[in-house]
N, C-alpha and C. Protein backbone atom coordinates (compact mmCIF):
# COMPACT_ATOMS: atom_id res chain seq x y z
N UNK A 1 -54.05 -39.07 -9.32
CA UNK A 1 -53.86 -37.74 -8.79
C UNK A 1 -53.29 -37.86 -7.39
N UNK A 2 -52.25 -37.07 -7.10
CA UNK A 2 -51.60 -37.12 -5.80
C UNK A 2 -52.47 -36.44 -4.75
N UNK A 3 -52.46 -37.01 -3.57
CA UNK A 3 -53.20 -36.44 -2.44
C UNK A 3 -52.33 -35.36 -1.81
N UNK A 4 -52.78 -34.13 -1.87
CA UNK A 4 -51.96 -33.05 -1.31
C UNK A 4 -52.55 -32.58 0.01
N UNK A 5 -51.68 -32.41 0.98
CA UNK A 5 -52.09 -31.94 2.30
C UNK A 5 -52.35 -30.44 2.24
N UNK A 6 -53.27 -29.98 3.06
CA UNK A 6 -53.53 -28.54 3.06
C UNK A 6 -52.30 -27.78 3.56
N UNK A 7 -52.08 -26.64 2.98
CA UNK A 7 -50.95 -25.81 3.39
C UNK A 7 -51.42 -24.90 4.51
N UNK A 8 -50.67 -24.92 5.61
CA UNK A 8 -50.99 -24.09 6.77
C UNK A 8 -50.02 -22.92 6.77
N UNK A 9 -50.56 -21.74 6.89
CA UNK A 9 -49.70 -20.55 6.87
C UNK A 9 -49.06 -20.31 8.23
N UNK A 10 -47.99 -19.55 8.22
CA UNK A 10 -47.32 -19.18 9.47
C UNK A 10 -48.29 -18.44 10.39
N UNK A 11 -49.12 -17.60 9.81
CA UNK A 11 -50.10 -16.84 10.59
C UNK A 11 -51.09 -17.77 11.28
N UNK A 12 -51.54 -18.82 10.57
CA UNK A 12 -52.47 -19.79 11.16
C UNK A 12 -51.85 -20.54 12.33
N UNK A 13 -50.54 -20.70 12.33
CA UNK A 13 -49.84 -21.36 13.43
C UNK A 13 -49.62 -20.42 14.62
N UNK A 14 -49.88 -19.14 14.42
CA UNK A 14 -49.64 -18.16 15.47
C UNK A 14 -48.31 -17.44 15.32
N UNK A 15 -47.68 -17.61 14.15
CA UNK A 15 -46.36 -17.03 13.90
C UNK A 15 -46.44 -15.87 12.91
N UNK A 16 -47.42 -15.02 13.09
CA UNK A 16 -47.60 -13.88 12.20
C UNK A 16 -46.39 -12.95 12.26
N UNK A 17 -46.00 -12.44 11.10
CA UNK A 17 -44.89 -11.48 11.06
C UNK A 17 -45.39 -10.06 11.35
N UNK A 18 -46.70 -9.89 11.43
CA UNK A 18 -47.25 -8.56 11.64
C UNK A 18 -47.61 -8.28 13.10
N UNK A 19 -47.03 -9.06 14.02
CA UNK A 19 -47.34 -8.85 15.44
C UNK A 19 -46.70 -7.56 15.93
N UNK A 20 -47.26 -7.00 16.97
CA UNK A 20 -46.61 -5.89 17.66
C UNK A 20 -45.57 -6.49 18.59
N UNK A 21 -44.30 -6.27 18.27
CA UNK A 21 -43.24 -6.88 19.08
C UNK A 21 -43.21 -6.33 20.48
N UNK A 22 -43.59 -5.08 20.66
CA UNK A 22 -43.60 -4.51 22.01
C UNK A 22 -44.64 -5.21 22.87
N UNK A 23 -45.85 -5.41 22.35
CA UNK A 23 -46.87 -6.11 23.14
C UNK A 23 -46.53 -7.59 23.29
N UNK A 24 -45.92 -8.18 22.28
CA UNK A 24 -45.51 -9.59 22.36
C UNK A 24 -44.50 -9.79 23.48
N UNK A 25 -43.50 -8.93 23.53
CA UNK A 25 -42.48 -9.02 24.59
C UNK A 25 -43.12 -8.71 25.94
N UNK A 26 -44.01 -7.74 25.97
CA UNK A 26 -44.71 -7.41 27.21
C UNK A 26 -45.52 -8.58 27.74
N UNK A 27 -46.28 -9.24 26.86
CA UNK A 27 -47.05 -10.43 27.25
C UNK A 27 -46.11 -11.50 27.79
N UNK A 28 -45.02 -11.75 27.07
CA UNK A 28 -44.09 -12.81 27.45
C UNK A 28 -43.46 -12.55 28.82
N UNK A 29 -43.01 -11.33 29.05
CA UNK A 29 -42.35 -11.01 30.32
C UNK A 29 -43.34 -11.00 31.48
N UNK A 30 -44.52 -10.42 31.27
CA UNK A 30 -45.54 -10.41 32.32
C UNK A 30 -45.96 -11.84 32.66
N UNK A 31 -46.16 -12.67 31.64
CA UNK A 31 -46.57 -14.06 31.88
C UNK A 31 -45.44 -14.85 32.53
N UNK A 32 -44.21 -14.53 32.18
CA UNK A 32 -43.06 -15.18 32.81
C UNK A 32 -43.10 -14.96 34.32
N UNK A 33 -43.43 -13.75 34.75
CA UNK A 33 -43.53 -13.45 36.19
C UNK A 33 -44.61 -14.32 36.84
N UNK A 34 -45.72 -14.50 36.16
CA UNK A 34 -46.80 -15.35 36.67
C UNK A 34 -46.30 -16.79 36.79
N UNK A 35 -45.62 -17.26 35.78
CA UNK A 35 -45.13 -18.65 35.79
C UNK A 35 -44.09 -18.88 36.87
N UNK A 36 -43.19 -17.92 37.05
CA UNK A 36 -42.18 -18.06 38.10
C UNK A 36 -42.83 -18.04 39.48
N UNK A 37 -43.87 -17.24 39.63
CA UNK A 37 -44.58 -17.20 40.91
C UNK A 37 -45.36 -18.49 41.15
N UNK A 38 -45.89 -19.10 40.09
CA UNK A 38 -46.68 -20.32 40.23
C UNK A 38 -45.81 -21.57 40.39
N UNK A 39 -44.61 -21.57 39.89
CA UNK A 39 -43.75 -22.76 39.88
C UNK A 39 -43.63 -23.46 41.24
N UNK A 40 -43.40 -22.75 42.34
CA UNK A 40 -43.32 -23.45 43.63
C UNK A 40 -44.63 -24.16 43.99
N UNK A 41 -45.76 -23.57 43.64
CA UNK A 41 -47.04 -24.22 43.90
C UNK A 41 -47.20 -25.47 43.03
N UNK A 42 -46.79 -25.38 41.77
CA UNK A 42 -46.84 -26.55 40.87
C UNK A 42 -46.01 -27.68 41.46
N UNK A 43 -44.85 -27.35 41.99
CA UNK A 43 -43.99 -28.36 42.60
C UNK A 43 -44.64 -28.93 43.86
N UNK A 44 -45.21 -28.07 44.68
CA UNK A 44 -45.86 -28.54 45.91
C UNK A 44 -47.02 -29.50 45.60
N UNK A 45 -47.84 -29.15 44.60
CA UNK A 45 -48.95 -30.03 44.22
C UNK A 45 -48.43 -31.37 43.70
N UNK A 46 -47.42 -31.33 42.86
CA UNK A 46 -46.87 -32.57 42.31
C UNK A 46 -46.26 -33.43 43.41
N UNK A 47 -45.65 -32.79 44.40
CA UNK A 47 -45.03 -33.52 45.51
C UNK A 47 -46.08 -34.23 46.36
N UNK A 48 -47.28 -33.67 46.42
CA UNK A 48 -48.36 -34.33 47.17
C UNK A 48 -48.76 -35.65 46.53
N UNK A 49 -48.64 -35.74 45.21
CA UNK A 49 -49.08 -36.92 44.48
C UNK A 49 -47.96 -37.92 44.22
N UNK A 50 -46.72 -37.44 44.10
CA UNK A 50 -45.59 -38.31 43.74
C UNK A 50 -44.42 -38.00 44.67
N UNK A 51 -43.99 -39.02 45.41
CA UNK A 51 -42.88 -38.84 46.35
C UNK A 51 -41.53 -38.67 45.66
N UNK A 52 -41.31 -39.45 44.62
CA UNK A 52 -39.99 -39.46 43.97
C UNK A 52 -39.76 -38.15 43.22
N UNK A 53 -38.65 -37.46 43.50
CA UNK A 53 -38.36 -36.19 42.80
C UNK A 53 -38.06 -36.41 41.33
N UNK A 54 -38.09 -35.34 40.53
CA UNK A 54 -37.76 -35.46 39.11
C UNK A 54 -36.36 -36.05 38.91
N UNK A 55 -36.20 -36.73 37.80
CA UNK A 55 -34.92 -37.34 37.42
C UNK A 55 -34.27 -36.38 36.41
N UNK A 56 -33.28 -35.66 36.87
CA UNK A 56 -32.69 -34.61 36.03
C UNK A 56 -31.24 -34.88 35.65
N UNK A 57 -30.85 -36.15 35.69
CA UNK A 57 -29.47 -36.51 35.32
C UNK A 57 -29.13 -36.09 33.89
N UNK A 58 -30.11 -36.02 33.01
CA UNK A 58 -29.87 -35.61 31.63
C UNK A 58 -29.34 -34.18 31.54
N UNK A 59 -29.52 -33.42 32.63
CA UNK A 59 -29.10 -32.03 32.64
C UNK A 59 -27.80 -31.80 33.40
N UNK A 60 -27.14 -32.88 33.81
CA UNK A 60 -25.90 -32.77 34.57
C UNK A 60 -24.86 -31.91 33.84
N UNK A 61 -24.80 -32.02 32.53
CA UNK A 61 -23.80 -31.27 31.75
C UNK A 61 -23.92 -29.76 31.99
N UNK A 62 -25.11 -29.28 32.29
CA UNK A 62 -25.29 -27.84 32.53
C UNK A 62 -24.45 -27.36 33.70
N UNK A 63 -24.14 -28.26 34.62
CA UNK A 63 -23.38 -27.91 35.81
C UNK A 63 -21.87 -28.05 35.61
N UNK A 64 -21.45 -28.54 34.46
CA UNK A 64 -20.04 -28.83 34.23
C UNK A 64 -19.23 -27.66 33.70
N UNK A 65 -19.85 -26.79 32.91
CA UNK A 65 -19.11 -25.64 32.38
C UNK A 65 -20.10 -24.61 31.83
N UNK A 66 -19.61 -23.39 31.72
CA UNK A 66 -20.45 -22.32 31.17
C UNK A 66 -20.77 -22.57 29.69
N UNK A 67 -19.82 -23.16 28.96
CA UNK A 67 -20.09 -23.42 27.53
C UNK A 67 -21.18 -24.48 27.38
N UNK A 68 -21.17 -25.50 28.24
CA UNK A 68 -22.23 -26.51 28.18
C UNK A 68 -23.57 -25.91 28.60
N UNK A 69 -23.55 -25.00 29.55
CA UNK A 69 -24.78 -24.31 29.95
C UNK A 69 -25.32 -23.50 28.77
N UNK A 70 -24.44 -22.77 28.09
CA UNK A 70 -24.85 -21.96 26.94
C UNK A 70 -25.43 -22.84 25.83
N UNK A 71 -24.77 -23.95 25.54
CA UNK A 71 -25.29 -24.88 24.53
C UNK A 71 -26.65 -25.42 24.97
N UNK A 72 -26.77 -25.76 26.25
CA UNK A 72 -28.04 -26.25 26.78
C UNK A 72 -29.17 -25.24 26.63
N UNK A 73 -28.86 -23.98 26.86
CA UNK A 73 -29.86 -22.92 26.72
C UNK A 73 -30.29 -22.78 25.26
N UNK A 74 -29.33 -22.83 24.34
CA UNK A 74 -29.66 -22.75 22.91
C UNK A 74 -30.56 -23.93 22.51
N UNK A 75 -30.21 -25.12 22.98
CA UNK A 75 -31.02 -26.30 22.66
C UNK A 75 -32.41 -26.16 23.28
N UNK A 76 -32.49 -25.65 24.52
CA UNK A 76 -33.78 -25.45 25.18
C UNK A 76 -34.65 -24.48 24.40
N UNK A 77 -34.07 -23.41 23.88
CA UNK A 77 -34.84 -22.45 23.07
C UNK A 77 -35.35 -23.11 21.80
N UNK A 78 -34.49 -23.93 21.16
CA UNK A 78 -34.89 -24.57 19.90
C UNK A 78 -35.94 -25.65 20.13
N UNK A 79 -35.70 -26.55 21.10
CA UNK A 79 -36.61 -27.68 21.31
C UNK A 79 -37.81 -27.31 22.18
N UNK A 80 -37.57 -26.63 23.28
CA UNK A 80 -38.65 -26.28 24.20
C UNK A 80 -39.38 -25.03 23.74
N UNK A 81 -38.63 -23.96 23.62
CA UNK A 81 -39.25 -22.69 23.26
C UNK A 81 -39.93 -22.71 21.91
N UNK A 82 -39.23 -23.20 20.91
CA UNK A 82 -39.81 -23.14 19.57
C UNK A 82 -40.58 -24.41 19.19
N UNK A 83 -39.90 -25.54 19.12
CA UNK A 83 -40.52 -26.76 18.60
C UNK A 83 -41.69 -27.23 19.47
N UNK A 84 -41.49 -27.29 20.79
CA UNK A 84 -42.57 -27.74 21.67
C UNK A 84 -43.79 -26.83 21.56
N UNK A 85 -43.56 -25.52 21.51
CA UNK A 85 -44.68 -24.59 21.41
C UNK A 85 -45.35 -24.67 20.04
N UNK A 86 -44.57 -24.84 19.00
CA UNK A 86 -45.15 -24.99 17.66
C UNK A 86 -46.07 -26.21 17.62
N UNK A 87 -45.59 -27.32 18.16
CA UNK A 87 -46.39 -28.55 18.12
C UNK A 87 -47.59 -28.48 19.05
N UNK A 88 -47.35 -28.15 20.33
CA UNK A 88 -48.43 -28.27 21.31
C UNK A 88 -49.40 -27.09 21.33
N UNK A 89 -48.95 -25.88 21.07
CA UNK A 89 -49.87 -24.74 21.03
C UNK A 89 -50.25 -24.41 19.60
N UNK A 90 -49.27 -24.30 18.70
CA UNK A 90 -49.55 -23.91 17.32
C UNK A 90 -50.37 -24.92 16.55
N UNK A 91 -50.11 -26.21 16.79
CA UNK A 91 -50.81 -27.25 16.03
C UNK A 91 -51.88 -27.95 16.87
N UNK A 92 -51.48 -28.61 17.95
CA UNK A 92 -52.42 -29.44 18.71
C UNK A 92 -53.52 -28.62 19.36
N UNK A 93 -53.16 -27.59 20.12
CA UNK A 93 -54.18 -26.78 20.80
C UNK A 93 -55.17 -26.20 19.78
N UNK A 94 -54.63 -25.61 18.73
CA UNK A 94 -55.52 -24.99 17.75
C UNK A 94 -56.37 -26.01 17.00
N UNK A 95 -55.82 -27.18 16.72
CA UNK A 95 -56.59 -28.22 16.02
C UNK A 95 -57.74 -28.72 16.88
N UNK A 96 -57.46 -28.99 18.15
CA UNK A 96 -58.51 -29.46 19.06
C UNK A 96 -59.56 -28.38 19.26
N UNK A 97 -59.10 -27.15 19.42
CA UNK A 97 -60.01 -26.02 19.60
C UNK A 97 -60.95 -25.88 18.39
N UNK A 98 -60.39 -25.98 17.20
CA UNK A 98 -61.20 -25.86 15.98
C UNK A 98 -62.18 -27.03 15.86
N UNK A 99 -61.71 -28.22 16.15
CA UNK A 99 -62.56 -29.41 16.07
C UNK A 99 -63.73 -29.33 17.05
N UNK A 100 -63.44 -28.97 18.30
CA UNK A 100 -64.48 -28.93 19.33
C UNK A 100 -65.42 -27.73 19.21
N UNK A 101 -64.98 -26.68 18.55
CA UNK A 101 -65.81 -25.48 18.40
C UNK A 101 -67.10 -25.75 17.65
N UNK A 102 -67.14 -26.81 16.87
CA UNK A 102 -68.35 -27.16 16.13
C UNK A 102 -69.43 -27.71 17.08
N UNK A 103 -69.01 -28.25 18.24
CA UNK A 103 -69.96 -28.89 19.16
C UNK A 103 -70.09 -28.20 20.52
N UNK A 104 -69.10 -27.42 20.89
CA UNK A 104 -69.10 -26.82 22.23
C UNK A 104 -68.99 -25.30 22.14
N UNK A 105 -69.41 -24.63 23.19
CA UNK A 105 -69.22 -23.18 23.23
C UNK A 105 -67.72 -22.91 23.25
N UNK A 106 -67.33 -21.78 22.70
CA UNK A 106 -65.91 -21.46 22.51
C UNK A 106 -65.06 -21.59 23.78
N UNK A 107 -65.49 -21.03 24.92
CA UNK A 107 -64.63 -21.15 26.11
C UNK A 107 -64.38 -22.60 26.54
N UNK A 108 -65.40 -23.46 26.39
CA UNK A 108 -65.24 -24.86 26.76
C UNK A 108 -64.30 -25.57 25.78
N UNK A 109 -64.47 -25.31 24.50
CA UNK A 109 -63.60 -25.90 23.48
C UNK A 109 -62.15 -25.47 23.72
N UNK A 110 -61.96 -24.20 24.03
CA UNK A 110 -60.62 -23.68 24.28
C UNK A 110 -60.02 -24.31 25.54
N UNK A 111 -60.81 -24.40 26.59
CA UNK A 111 -60.32 -24.99 27.84
C UNK A 111 -59.89 -26.43 27.67
N UNK A 112 -60.68 -27.21 26.97
CA UNK A 112 -60.31 -28.61 26.71
C UNK A 112 -59.05 -28.68 25.86
N UNK A 113 -58.96 -27.82 24.86
CA UNK A 113 -57.78 -27.80 23.99
C UNK A 113 -56.52 -27.43 24.76
N UNK A 114 -56.63 -26.44 25.64
CA UNK A 114 -55.48 -26.03 26.46
C UNK A 114 -55.02 -27.20 27.32
N UNK A 115 -55.97 -27.89 27.96
CA UNK A 115 -55.63 -29.01 28.85
C UNK A 115 -55.08 -30.21 28.09
N UNK A 116 -55.65 -30.51 26.92
CA UNK A 116 -55.17 -31.64 26.12
C UNK A 116 -53.74 -31.38 25.62
N UNK A 117 -53.48 -30.18 25.14
CA UNK A 117 -52.13 -29.85 24.68
C UNK A 117 -51.15 -29.88 25.84
N UNK A 118 -51.58 -29.41 27.01
CA UNK A 118 -50.71 -29.43 28.19
C UNK A 118 -50.40 -30.86 28.62
N UNK A 119 -51.39 -31.74 28.55
CA UNK A 119 -51.16 -33.14 28.91
C UNK A 119 -50.13 -33.77 27.96
N UNK A 120 -50.25 -33.47 26.69
CA UNK A 120 -49.27 -33.98 25.72
C UNK A 120 -47.88 -33.46 26.00
N UNK A 121 -47.78 -32.18 26.29
CA UNK A 121 -46.46 -31.59 26.60
C UNK A 121 -45.90 -32.20 27.87
N UNK A 122 -46.76 -32.45 28.83
CA UNK A 122 -46.29 -33.09 30.07
C UNK A 122 -45.75 -34.49 29.81
N UNK A 123 -46.45 -35.25 28.98
CA UNK A 123 -46.05 -36.64 28.72
C UNK A 123 -44.70 -36.75 28.03
N UNK A 124 -44.33 -35.78 27.21
CA UNK A 124 -43.01 -35.89 26.56
C UNK A 124 -41.87 -35.67 27.55
N UNK A 125 -42.21 -35.27 28.77
CA UNK A 125 -41.20 -35.10 29.82
C UNK A 125 -41.18 -36.31 30.76
N UNK A 126 -41.79 -37.40 30.35
CA UNK A 126 -41.85 -38.60 31.19
C UNK A 126 -40.46 -39.13 31.54
N UNK A 127 -39.48 -38.91 30.68
CA UNK A 127 -38.11 -39.34 30.97
C UNK A 127 -37.57 -38.69 32.25
N UNK A 128 -38.21 -37.61 32.71
CA UNK A 128 -37.81 -36.94 33.94
C UNK A 128 -38.56 -37.46 35.16
N UNK A 129 -39.48 -38.39 34.96
CA UNK A 129 -40.23 -38.95 36.07
C UNK A 129 -41.63 -38.36 36.16
N UNK A 130 -42.48 -39.05 36.93
CA UNK A 130 -43.89 -38.67 37.03
C UNK A 130 -44.09 -37.31 37.68
N UNK A 131 -43.29 -36.98 38.70
CA UNK A 131 -43.45 -35.67 39.33
C UNK A 131 -43.18 -34.56 38.32
N UNK A 132 -42.17 -34.72 37.50
CA UNK A 132 -41.86 -33.72 36.48
C UNK A 132 -43.00 -33.59 35.48
N UNK A 133 -43.62 -34.71 35.12
CA UNK A 133 -44.75 -34.68 34.18
C UNK A 133 -45.87 -33.82 34.76
N UNK A 134 -46.15 -34.00 36.05
CA UNK A 134 -47.22 -33.24 36.70
C UNK A 134 -46.87 -31.75 36.76
N UNK A 135 -45.63 -31.45 37.07
CA UNK A 135 -45.19 -30.05 37.11
C UNK A 135 -45.27 -29.42 35.72
N UNK A 136 -44.71 -30.11 34.74
CA UNK A 136 -44.69 -29.58 33.36
C UNK A 136 -46.10 -29.42 32.81
N UNK A 137 -46.98 -30.35 33.12
CA UNK A 137 -48.36 -30.24 32.65
C UNK A 137 -49.02 -28.98 33.20
N UNK A 138 -48.81 -28.71 34.48
CA UNK A 138 -49.38 -27.49 35.07
C UNK A 138 -48.81 -26.23 34.40
N UNK A 139 -47.49 -26.21 34.19
CA UNK A 139 -46.88 -25.06 33.56
C UNK A 139 -47.33 -24.93 32.10
N UNK A 140 -47.57 -26.08 31.45
CA UNK A 140 -48.04 -26.06 30.07
C UNK A 140 -49.46 -25.52 29.95
N UNK A 141 -50.27 -25.71 30.98
CA UNK A 141 -51.59 -25.08 30.99
C UNK A 141 -51.40 -23.56 30.95
N UNK A 142 -50.44 -23.07 31.72
CA UNK A 142 -50.17 -21.63 31.71
C UNK A 142 -49.67 -21.16 30.35
N UNK A 143 -48.80 -21.95 29.69
CA UNK A 143 -48.37 -21.59 28.34
C UNK A 143 -49.57 -21.54 27.40
N UNK A 144 -50.47 -22.51 27.53
CA UNK A 144 -51.68 -22.52 26.70
C UNK A 144 -52.56 -21.31 26.95
N UNK A 145 -52.70 -20.93 28.21
CA UNK A 145 -53.49 -19.74 28.53
C UNK A 145 -52.85 -18.48 27.95
N UNK A 146 -51.53 -18.41 28.01
CA UNK A 146 -50.83 -17.26 27.39
C UNK A 146 -51.14 -17.22 25.90
N UNK A 147 -51.10 -18.37 25.25
CA UNK A 147 -51.39 -18.44 23.82
C UNK A 147 -52.79 -17.88 23.54
N UNK A 148 -53.74 -18.24 24.37
CA UNK A 148 -55.13 -17.80 24.17
C UNK A 148 -55.28 -16.31 24.47
N UNK A 149 -54.78 -15.86 25.63
CA UNK A 149 -54.98 -14.44 25.99
C UNK A 149 -54.17 -13.49 25.13
N UNK A 150 -53.12 -13.99 24.50
CA UNK A 150 -52.32 -13.13 23.61
C UNK A 150 -52.90 -13.10 22.20
N UNK A 151 -54.07 -13.70 22.01
CA UNK A 151 -54.69 -13.70 20.68
C UNK A 151 -54.06 -14.73 19.75
N UNK A 152 -53.65 -15.88 20.30
CA UNK A 152 -53.00 -16.95 19.53
C UNK A 152 -51.67 -16.48 18.93
N UNK A 153 -50.95 -15.71 19.72
CA UNK A 153 -49.63 -15.21 19.32
C UNK A 153 -48.58 -16.20 19.83
N UNK A 154 -48.12 -17.07 18.97
CA UNK A 154 -47.16 -18.09 19.37
C UNK A 154 -45.81 -17.48 19.73
N UNK A 155 -45.48 -16.34 19.15
CA UNK A 155 -44.21 -15.69 19.48
C UNK A 155 -44.14 -15.35 20.96
N UNK A 156 -45.25 -14.91 21.55
CA UNK A 156 -45.26 -14.58 22.98
C UNK A 156 -44.97 -15.82 23.82
N UNK A 157 -45.55 -16.96 23.41
CA UNK A 157 -45.36 -18.20 24.16
C UNK A 157 -43.93 -18.72 23.97
N UNK A 158 -43.40 -18.62 22.77
CA UNK A 158 -42.03 -19.04 22.51
C UNK A 158 -41.06 -18.22 23.37
N UNK A 159 -41.24 -16.92 23.40
CA UNK A 159 -40.37 -16.07 24.22
C UNK A 159 -40.49 -16.41 25.70
N UNK A 160 -41.72 -16.56 26.18
CA UNK A 160 -41.94 -16.88 27.59
C UNK A 160 -41.31 -18.22 27.94
N UNK A 161 -41.52 -19.22 27.12
CA UNK A 161 -40.98 -20.56 27.38
C UNK A 161 -39.45 -20.52 27.35
N UNK A 162 -38.89 -19.86 26.36
CA UNK A 162 -37.43 -19.76 26.27
C UNK A 162 -36.83 -19.06 27.47
N UNK A 163 -37.45 -17.96 27.89
CA UNK A 163 -36.96 -17.24 29.06
C UNK A 163 -37.11 -18.07 30.33
N UNK A 164 -38.23 -18.78 30.46
CA UNK A 164 -38.46 -19.63 31.63
C UNK A 164 -37.38 -20.72 31.71
N UNK A 165 -37.13 -21.40 30.58
CA UNK A 165 -36.12 -22.45 30.56
C UNK A 165 -34.73 -21.89 30.82
N UNK A 166 -34.44 -20.70 30.30
CA UNK A 166 -33.14 -20.08 30.54
C UNK A 166 -32.93 -19.85 32.04
N UNK A 167 -33.92 -19.30 32.70
CA UNK A 167 -33.82 -19.07 34.15
C UNK A 167 -33.67 -20.39 34.88
N UNK A 168 -34.47 -21.40 34.51
CA UNK A 168 -34.39 -22.71 35.16
C UNK A 168 -33.01 -23.34 34.96
N UNK A 169 -32.47 -23.24 33.76
CA UNK A 169 -31.16 -23.84 33.48
C UNK A 169 -30.05 -23.12 34.25
N UNK A 170 -30.09 -21.80 34.28
CA UNK A 170 -29.06 -21.05 35.01
C UNK A 170 -29.13 -21.38 36.51
N UNK A 171 -30.34 -21.43 37.06
CA UNK A 171 -30.51 -21.79 38.48
C UNK A 171 -30.00 -23.21 38.74
N UNK A 172 -30.32 -24.14 37.84
CA UNK A 172 -29.88 -25.52 37.98
C UNK A 172 -28.35 -25.59 37.90
N UNK A 173 -27.76 -24.92 36.92
CA UNK A 173 -26.31 -24.95 36.74
C UNK A 173 -25.58 -24.37 37.94
N UNK A 174 -26.15 -23.35 38.55
CA UNK A 174 -25.53 -22.70 39.71
C UNK A 174 -25.96 -23.31 41.04
N UNK A 175 -26.66 -24.45 40.96
CA UNK A 175 -27.13 -25.21 42.12
C UNK A 175 -27.98 -24.35 43.07
N UNK A 176 -28.83 -23.52 42.46
CA UNK A 176 -29.77 -22.69 43.21
C UNK A 176 -31.19 -23.26 43.16
N UNK A 177 -31.36 -24.35 42.44
CA UNK A 177 -32.65 -24.99 42.27
C UNK A 177 -32.82 -26.09 43.31
N UNK A 178 -34.05 -26.32 43.71
CA UNK A 178 -34.38 -27.38 44.67
C UNK A 178 -33.87 -28.74 44.18
N UNK A 179 -33.84 -28.94 42.88
CA UNK A 179 -33.48 -30.23 42.33
C UNK A 179 -32.07 -30.25 41.70
N UNK A 180 -31.22 -29.30 42.07
CA UNK A 180 -29.88 -29.21 41.49
C UNK A 180 -28.96 -30.33 41.92
N UNK A 181 -29.19 -30.89 43.09
CA UNK A 181 -28.34 -31.98 43.56
C UNK A 181 -28.79 -33.28 42.91
N UNK A 182 -27.85 -33.89 42.21
CA UNK A 182 -28.16 -35.12 41.48
C UNK A 182 -27.57 -36.32 42.21
N UNK A 183 -28.08 -37.49 41.88
CA UNK A 183 -27.52 -38.72 42.46
C UNK A 183 -26.03 -38.76 42.17
N UNK A 184 -25.25 -39.09 43.18
CA UNK A 184 -23.80 -39.17 43.02
C UNK A 184 -23.09 -37.86 43.37
N UNK A 185 -23.84 -36.76 43.56
CA UNK A 185 -23.21 -35.51 43.98
C UNK A 185 -22.80 -35.63 45.45
N UNK A 186 -21.67 -35.03 45.75
CA UNK A 186 -21.24 -35.05 47.16
C UNK A 186 -21.70 -33.83 47.90
């Protein structure tokens, strides 16, 4: 007899089709404002621990043309907004939360799950350097909190993450970001 894996529904992942899109967009935009306001503090904290700035050479193409920026934004929505959130909030956060709920009170289980998923999301950004990992981990805690306060609505987190990355990419491409100047730039 073949071993069959349990089937997880879209709703269980936080991707319910019956969400209120108005409240989902409202959550995403309001949380985006919080994240944009917190970002300088996240950077300041990371700078206290790690002197070397993030390594963002992989994003140089964003500064070369508007079409490359547009492609970069589409890729960011697919990989960061959707895939990263599906894995780290939809699967990892919820799995840890469910596992720990048997032994811990719900708020503690949720807090540990939010932090563990954020640490994982931070680590996949290691190619950008340790300071970036610390910044991304902090921002990922906020994404995890959005997931929790929105009632495990992954759509809200996907929208917020996609919008956040879009703003970051546009700022980087237009050299309005603190880290827009790359090695070799004149």
